[in-house]
Amino acid sequence: MKKDRKFKRWFLNKPGRRFSATAFKVAVANAQGRRHESEGIPCQDAVVGFASGKFASIVLADGAGSASNSMLGAQIVVNTLTRVLKENFKRIAKSKEEKARNKIMNPLIRSLAVAAQRHQAALKDFACTLLFVASDGKRLLIGQLGDGRIGIRNSATGEWRPIMEASKGEFFNETVFVTSINAINLLQLAIGPVGSIDACVIMSDGAEEGLYQRASHTFAPAISRMSEWVQINECDKVEEAIQSNLSEVVRQKSMDDLSIGYLMILKALYGHKHHKSKF
């Protein structure tokens, strides 16, 4: 854990460049896993991308297979957090980590509690994991609760690096969910200046099986290839291409549902700046 924190401090706050303008591009896609296809169950992942001239976010939730309303829970979580980040990004990004966690997680729990009451179900029936990235072009907010993978790309080297490890539950091979006890404290956050980062990717554990090598801690070449698609193509076209790639290629390496989201930070350079940070 200490090594992971040290890496996040180094990467998010490495000396970067000053930028005169920022534009964003986002793309998201998901695909039904082979197991769910054989069982006649729809994809239980949800992923949403949002981009405007001043802010962008990607949010992903992977519904727990053991939870009866996990697909609905995942959709509620991504929709709620997309709205929360859009409306409160600056306040969250400037908060201390404990307060930031509460500002992120409390609205999610409230939304799920309303759904649980409406459907006369238990909160745990809406269990899902959570991954997200948000930026206003100056600061970057990254979060993970549960399994899946988040990657960030260095604009100078083009290198993709993982930034967080999956949150584990009480027992081996068990993950944690938005509905888990102590979920607020288990949410991993990284907040800092954009610096040299120009792209981020988030993916469910199903997509991770085909796009990340855990032994070598490296991303598959397809991650770079798909990020290039995002940069040069219109959103609708690139999302269709990514979804096709997930369905036809990546899912052959996993039985689980697959989902992925990209956030590209496109910058116009006009100088250099060395960031001083608390990380």
Protein backbone atom coordinates (compact mmCIF):
# COMPACT_ATOMS: atom_id res chain seq x y z
CA MET A 1 0.00 0.00 0.00
CA LYS A 2 2.85 2.41 0.83
CA LYS A 3 4.48 1.67 -2.52
CA ASP A 4 1.18 2.34 -4.29
CA ARG A 5 0.73 5.70 -2.52
CA LYS A 6 4.31 6.68 -3.36
CA PHE A 7 3.74 5.94 -7.04
CA LYS A 8 0.50 7.97 -7.10
CA ARG A 9 2.27 10.94 -5.49
CA TRP A 10 5.10 10.76 -8.02
CA PHE A 11 2.95 10.32 -11.09
CA LEU A 12 0.19 12.82 -10.37
CA ASN A 13 2.64 15.52 -9.36
CA LYS A 14 5.54 15.03 -11.73
CA PRO A 15 6.71 18.36 -13.24
CA GLY A 16 4.43 19.19 -16.13
CA ARG A 17 3.65 21.93 -18.60
CA ARG A 18 1.40 24.95 -18.42
CA PHE A 19 -1.46 24.97 -20.85
CA SER A 20 -3.42 27.77 -22.49
CA ALA A 21 -6.50 25.68 -23.30
CA THR A 22 -7.96 22.29 -22.57
CA ALA A 23 -10.40 20.17 -24.52
CA PHE A 24 -11.73 16.75 -23.62
CA LYS A 25 -12.81 13.65 -25.46
CA VAL A 26 -14.51 10.73 -23.79
CA ALA A 27 -15.66 7.34 -25.05
CA VAL A 28 -17.32 4.46 -23.23
CA ALA A 29 -18.55 1.00 -24.20
CA ASN A 30 -19.62 -2.29 -22.69
CA ALA A 31 -20.39 -5.82 -23.86
CA GLN A 32 -22.29 -8.79 -22.50
CA GLY A 33 -20.02 -11.52 -21.15
CA ARG A 34 -20.12 -15.08 -22.46
CA ARG A 35 -21.44 -16.44 -19.17
CA HIS A 36 -24.36 -14.03 -19.10
CA GLU A 37 -25.04 -14.65 -22.77
CA SER A 38 -25.35 -18.39 -22.14
CA GLU A 39 -27.65 -17.76 -19.17
CA GLY A 40 -29.79 -15.17 -20.94
CA ILE A 41 -28.77 -12.43 -18.49
CA PRO A 42 -28.10 -8.89 -19.79
CA CYS A 43 -24.82 -7.08 -19.17
CA GLN A 44 -24.69 -5.91 -15.55
CA ASP A 45 -21.97 -3.30 -16.10
CA ALA A 46 -22.82 0.38 -16.53
CA VAL A 47 -20.47 3.09 -17.82
CA VAL A 48 -21.13 6.77 -18.57
CA GLY A 49 -18.94 9.44 -20.12
CA PHE A 50 -19.53 13.19 -19.96
CA ALA A 51 -17.56 16.04 -21.54
CA SER A 52 -18.08 19.78 -21.83
CA GLY A 53 -15.68 22.63 -22.52
CA LYS A 54 -14.66 22.87 -18.86
CA PHE A 55 -15.12 19.43 -17.36
CA ALA A 56 -15.11 15.73 -18.23
CA SER A 57 -15.71 12.47 -16.39
CA ILE A 58 -15.97 8.74 -16.94
CA VAL A 59 -17.75 6.57 -14.36
CA LEU A 60 -18.03 2.78 -14.36
CA ALA A 61 -19.90 0.38 -12.08
CA ASP A 62 -19.79 -3.42 -12.28
CA GLY A 63 -22.89 -5.03 -10.82
CA ALA A 64 -22.27 -7.90 -8.41
CA GLY A 65 -23.35 -11.23 -9.85
CA SER A 66 -24.76 -12.31 -6.49
CA ALA A 67 -27.01 -9.26 -6.13
CA SER A 68 -30.52 -9.49 -7.59
CA ASN A 69 -30.75 -5.80 -8.59
CA SER A 70 -27.09 -5.19 -9.39
CA MET A 71 -27.75 -4.03 -12.97
CA LEU A 72 -30.09 -1.32 -11.69
CA GLY A 73 -27.69 -0.49 -8.88
CA ALA A 74 -24.82 -0.02 -11.33
CA GLN A 75 -26.90 2.30 -13.50
CA ILE A 76 -28.03 4.37 -10.52
CA VAL A 77 -24.44 4.72 -9.31
CA VAL A 78 -22.97 5.89 -12.63
CA ASN A 79 -25.81 8.34 -13.27
CA THR A 80 -25.72 9.76 -9.75
CA LEU A 81 -21.95 10.14 -9.59
CA THR A 82 -21.78 11.72 -13.05
CA ARG A 83 -24.19 14.40 -11.81
CA VAL A 84 -22.37 14.84 -8.48
CA LEU A 85 -18.97 15.25 -10.15
CA LYS A 86 -20.34 17.69 -12.72
CA GLU A 87 -21.95 19.87 -10.04
CA ASN A 88 -19.33 19.59 -7.28
CA PHE A 89 -15.97 18.76 -8.88
CA LYS A 90 -14.12 21.83 -7.60
CA ARG A 91 -15.37 21.43 -4.03
CA ILE A 92 -14.50 17.73 -4.02
CA ALA A 93 -11.06 18.24 -5.59
CA LYS A 94 -10.17 20.90 -3.02
CA SER A 95 -11.39 18.85 -0.05
CA LYS A 96 -9.29 16.73 2.25
CA GLU A 97 -9.48 13.05 1.37
CA GLU A 98 -11.91 12.08 4.13
CA LYS A 99 -14.38 14.83 3.22
CA ALA A 100 -13.98 14.06 -0.48
CA ARG A 101 -14.92 10.45 0.13
CA ASN A 102 -18.07 11.50 1.95
CA LYS A 103 -19.08 13.97 -0.77
CA ILE A 104 -18.73 11.19 -3.34
CA MET A 105 -20.20 8.22 -1.50
CA ASN A 106 -23.09 9.71 0.49
CA PRO A 107 -25.16 10.70 -2.58
CA LEU A 108 -24.67 7.20 -4.00
CA ILE A 109 -25.89 5.50 -0.84
CA ARG A 110 -28.90 7.84 -0.67
CA SER A 111 -29.85 7.10 -4.28
CA LEU A 112 -29.53 3.36 -3.75
CA ALA A 113 -31.52 3.54 -0.51
CA VAL A 114 -34.38 5.25 -2.37
CA ALA A 115 -34.29 2.50 -5.01
CA ALA A 116 -34.24 -0.20 -2.33
CA GLN A 117 -37.33 1.27 -0.69
CA ARG A 118 -39.11 1.62 -4.02
CA HIS A 119 -38.41 -2.00 -4.97
CA GLN A 120 -38.92 -3.32 -1.42
CA ALA A 121 -35.45 -4.84 -1.49
CA ALA A 122 -32.32 -4.80 0.65
CA LEU A 123 -29.54 -2.32 -0.06
CA LYS A 124 -27.12 -5.18 -0.69
CA ASP A 125 -29.30 -6.29 -3.64
CA PHE A 126 -27.96 -3.26 -5.56
CA ALA A 127 -24.28 -4.04 -4.96
CA CYS A 128 -21.71 -2.86 -7.53
CA THR A 129 -18.10 -1.76 -7.73
CA LEU A 130 -17.04 1.76 -8.72
CA LEU A 131 -14.28 3.34 -10.83
CA PHE A 132 -14.11 6.94 -12.03
CA VAL A 133 -11.92 9.70 -13.41
CA ALA A 134 -12.82 13.40 -13.59
CA SER A 135 -10.93 16.53 -14.59
CA ASP A 136 -11.38 20.25 -15.20
CA GLY A 137 -8.15 20.37 -17.20
CA LYS A 138 -6.13 21.55 -14.22
CA ARG A 139 -6.82 18.92 -11.60
CA LEU A 140 -7.48 15.20 -11.80
CA LEU A 141 -9.71 13.16 -9.49
CA ILE A 142 -9.41 9.37 -9.66
CA GLY A 143 -11.29 6.86 -7.54
CA GLN A 144 -11.76 3.11 -7.16
CA LEU A 145 -13.86 0.91 -4.92
CA GLY A 146 -13.64 -2.81 -5.62
CA ASP A 147 -12.00 -4.59 -8.51
CA GLY A 148 -11.26 -3.44 -12.05
CA ARG A 149 -8.35 -1.39 -13.37
CA ILE A 150 -7.46 2.29 -13.89
CA GLY A 151 -4.61 3.42 -16.14
CA ILE A 152 -3.03 6.82 -16.81
CA ARG A 153 -0.84 7.81 -19.76
CA ASN A 154 2.26 10.02 -19.68
CA SER A 155 2.05 12.52 -22.54
CA ALA A 156 5.84 12.72 -22.94
CA THR A 157 6.53 8.99 -23.15
CA GLY A 158 3.16 7.59 -24.23
CA GLU A 159 3.49 5.03 -21.44
CA TRP A 160 0.40 3.63 -19.74
CA ARG A 161 0.71 2.87 -16.05
CA PRO A 162 -1.73 1.42 -13.47
CA ILE A 163 -2.49 3.75 -10.60
CA MET A 164 -4.52 1.70 -8.12
CA GLU A 165 -4.99 -1.88 -7.01
CA ALA A 166 -8.34 -3.59 -6.48
CA SER A 167 -9.96 -3.10 -3.08
CA LYS A 168 -10.19 -6.45 -1.34
CA GLY A 169 -12.87 -7.71 1.00
CA GLU A 170 -12.51 -9.57 4.26
CA PHE A 171 -11.80 -12.91 2.58
CA PHE A 172 -9.46 -14.03 -0.22
CA ASN A 173 -10.70 -13.28 -3.74
CA GLU A 174 -13.53 -11.13 -2.36
CA THR A 175 -14.04 -7.55 -3.46
CA VAL A 176 -15.95 -4.63 -1.93
CA PHE A 177 -19.00 -2.78 -3.23
CA VAL A 178 -20.66 0.61 -2.90
CA THR A 179 -23.14 -1.08 -0.54
CA SER A 180 -20.45 -2.74 1.62
CA ILE A 181 -20.00 -1.83 5.26
CA ASN A 182 -17.22 0.77 5.57
CA ALA A 183 -17.30 1.44 1.80
CA ILE A 184 -16.64 5.15 2.37
CA ASN A 185 -13.33 4.44 4.11
CA LEU A 186 -12.35 1.81 1.54
CA LEU A 187 -12.79 4.14 -1.45
CA GLN A 188 -9.33 4.84 -2.89
CA LEU A 189 -8.77 8.41 -4.11
CA ALA A 190 -6.00 10.23 -5.92
CA ILE A 191 -6.37 14.00 -6.30
CA GLY A 192 -3.76 16.24 -7.89
CA PRO A 193 -2.71 18.42 -10.83
CA VAL A 194 -3.04 16.97 -14.32
CA GLY A 195 0.66 17.53 -14.96
CA SER A 196 1.98 15.23 -17.67
CA ILE A 197 -1.12 12.99 -17.83
CA ASP A 198 -3.04 13.27 -21.09
CA ALA A 199 -5.25 10.17 -21.01
CA CYS A 200 -6.99 7.87 -18.54
CA VAL A 201 -8.73 4.54 -18.94
CA ILE A 202 -11.03 2.65 -16.57
CA MET A 203 -12.21 -0.93 -17.07
CA SER A 204 -14.21 -3.61 -15.30
CA ASP A 205 -12.46 -6.78 -14.15
CA GLY A 206 -13.92 -8.62 -17.15
CA ALA A 207 -12.23 -6.24 -19.59
CA GLU A 208 -9.10 -6.27 -17.44
CA GLU A 209 -8.66 -10.00 -18.07
CA GLY A 210 -8.07 -9.33 -21.75
CA LEU A 211 -6.42 -5.91 -21.57
CA TYR A 212 -4.02 -6.02 -18.61
CA GLN A 213 -1.18 -8.33 -17.63
CA ARG A 214 -1.16 -8.57 -13.83
CA ALA A 215 2.17 -10.41 -13.70
CA SER A 216 4.06 -7.64 -15.53
CA HIS A 217 1.76 -4.75 -14.51
CA THR A 218 1.39 -3.70 -18.14
CA PHE A 219 -1.53 -2.85 -20.39
CA ALA A 220 -2.14 -4.65 -23.67
CA PRO A 221 -1.26 -2.79 -26.91
CA ALA A 222 -5.01 -2.57 -27.60
CA ILE A 223 -5.28 0.10 -24.88
CA SER A 224 -3.04 2.46 -26.87
CA ARG A 225 -4.74 1.54 -30.13
CA MET A 226 -8.21 2.30 -28.77
CA SER A 227 -7.01 5.59 -27.24
CA GLU A 228 -5.82 6.64 -30.70
CA TRP A 229 -9.31 5.88 -32.04
CA VAL A 230 -10.76 8.20 -29.39
CA GLN A 231 -8.43 11.04 -30.35
CA ILE A 232 -9.13 11.02 -34.09
CA ASN A 233 -12.76 9.90 -34.39
CA GLU A 234 -16.19 11.23 -33.50
CA CYS A 235 -17.67 9.87 -30.27
CA ASP A 236 -20.41 7.73 -31.83
CA LYS A 237 -18.06 6.08 -34.29
CA VAL A 238 -15.32 5.34 -31.80
CA GLU A 239 -17.71 3.95 -29.19
CA GLU A 240 -19.15 1.63 -31.81
CA ALA A 241 -15.63 0.48 -32.75
CA ILE A 242 -14.62 -0.09 -29.11
CA GLN A 243 -17.82 -2.00 -28.39
CA SER A 244 -17.17 -4.20 -31.41
CA ASN A 245 -13.61 -4.84 -30.22
CA LEU A 246 -14.86 -5.82 -26.76
CA SER A 247 -17.51 -8.15 -28.19
CA GLU A 248 -15.44 -9.82 -30.88
CA VAL A 249 -11.92 -9.90 -29.44
CA VAL A 250 -11.56 -9.08 -25.75
CA ARG A 251 -14.45 -11.19 -24.48
CA GLN A 252 -12.79 -14.33 -25.84
CA LYS A 253 -10.40 -13.97 -22.89
CA SER A 254 -13.07 -13.58 -20.22
CA MET A 255 -16.43 -15.05 -19.24
CA ASP A 256 -17.48 -11.85 -17.43
CA ASP A 257 -19.19 -8.71 -18.71
CA LEU A 258 -16.79 -6.14 -20.12
CA SER A 259 -16.84 -2.36 -19.90
CA ILE A 260 -14.32 0.40 -20.56
CA GLY A 261 -14.10 4.18 -20.52
CA TYR A 262 -11.53 6.64 -21.92
CA LEU A 263 -10.94 10.26 -20.97
CA MET A 264 -8.51 12.22 -23.16
CA ILE A 265 -7.13 15.59 -22.07
CA LEU A 266 -6.15 17.59 -25.16
CA LYS A 267 -3.94 20.55 -24.31
CA ALA A 268 -2.44 23.57 -26.07
CA LEU A 269 1.07 24.28 -24.77
CA TYR A 270 2.52 27.69 -24.05
CA GLY A 271 5.14 27.18 -21.39
CA HIS A 272 6.43 25.04 -18.55
CA LYS A 273 5.43 24.80 -14.95
CA HIS A 274 6.69 22.70 -12.06
CA HIS A 275 3.90 21.64 -9.76
CA LYS A 276 4.35 21.73 -6.03
CA SER A 277 2.03 19.31 -4.34
CA LYS A 278 0.98 17.92 -1.00
CA PHE A 279 1.19 14.34 -2.36
